[in-house]
Amino acid sequence: MKYVKMLELLAVAAAALMAFAGTASATTVTSEGVTYTGEIAASAEGHVVLDNPIAKIECASTLAGTVESHGSGVTATGPISTLTFTSCTNNWHVTVIAKGSLEAHTLTGADAGNATITSNGATVEAKRLTITCRYKTEHTDVGRITASANRGGATATFDIEAKIPFHSGSPLCGEGATTWTGSYVVNTPMALDFD
């Protein structure tokens, strides 16, 4: 009798897991109503800011990547092909050591059509004189894209609000995360949406 009850509980648990798996999030990237698998490229509107314990570094920035996988039951992912930080303030030089990849997670409800973005494996180095601070993303939430459909047909925007974990470098960098903030406008494709 004890084993029958245990089997019944396992069956209920398995059914619950299967129901959850059936509703797992999926993200399809589209442009003008058509599935899109090309390059997504964006440039910063003004400066982006890396604010670590010893300095507030403002830089021009560009970002690009290609959609590698997406669709029903799949998280949209792709490698970053371009990530630059240039013309940084106060003689800081910011170099991208590894570009990593991005994931897009479609939002629902009032934010339907938009997506939150996660970065993995990107390593950025900020250097000035003898001070070097390295930061690396590890499934780090970096912000959200407001889709074209939710901007009245205008180009999508990528608003960054992230805390990038400290990876290595000078003791002056501290061991805390650096804050990365700013806004990028998506230049390619002109219409970017998530279903």
Foldseek 3Di string as FASTA:
>chain_A
DVVVVVVVVVVVVVVVVVVVLQPDFFKFKDFPPHGDFAKWKKWFPAWKWWAFPPDIKTFTWIWMWTFDDGDPSHWTKTFIPDIATPPIPPQKHKDKPGRFMKTWTADDDPQGFKTWMFGAFTKMWIDDDQWIWIFGGHRWTFFMKRFCVNVVNFFIKTWGWTFTFTDDTDVSRPRGTITITGMITTVPPRGITMD
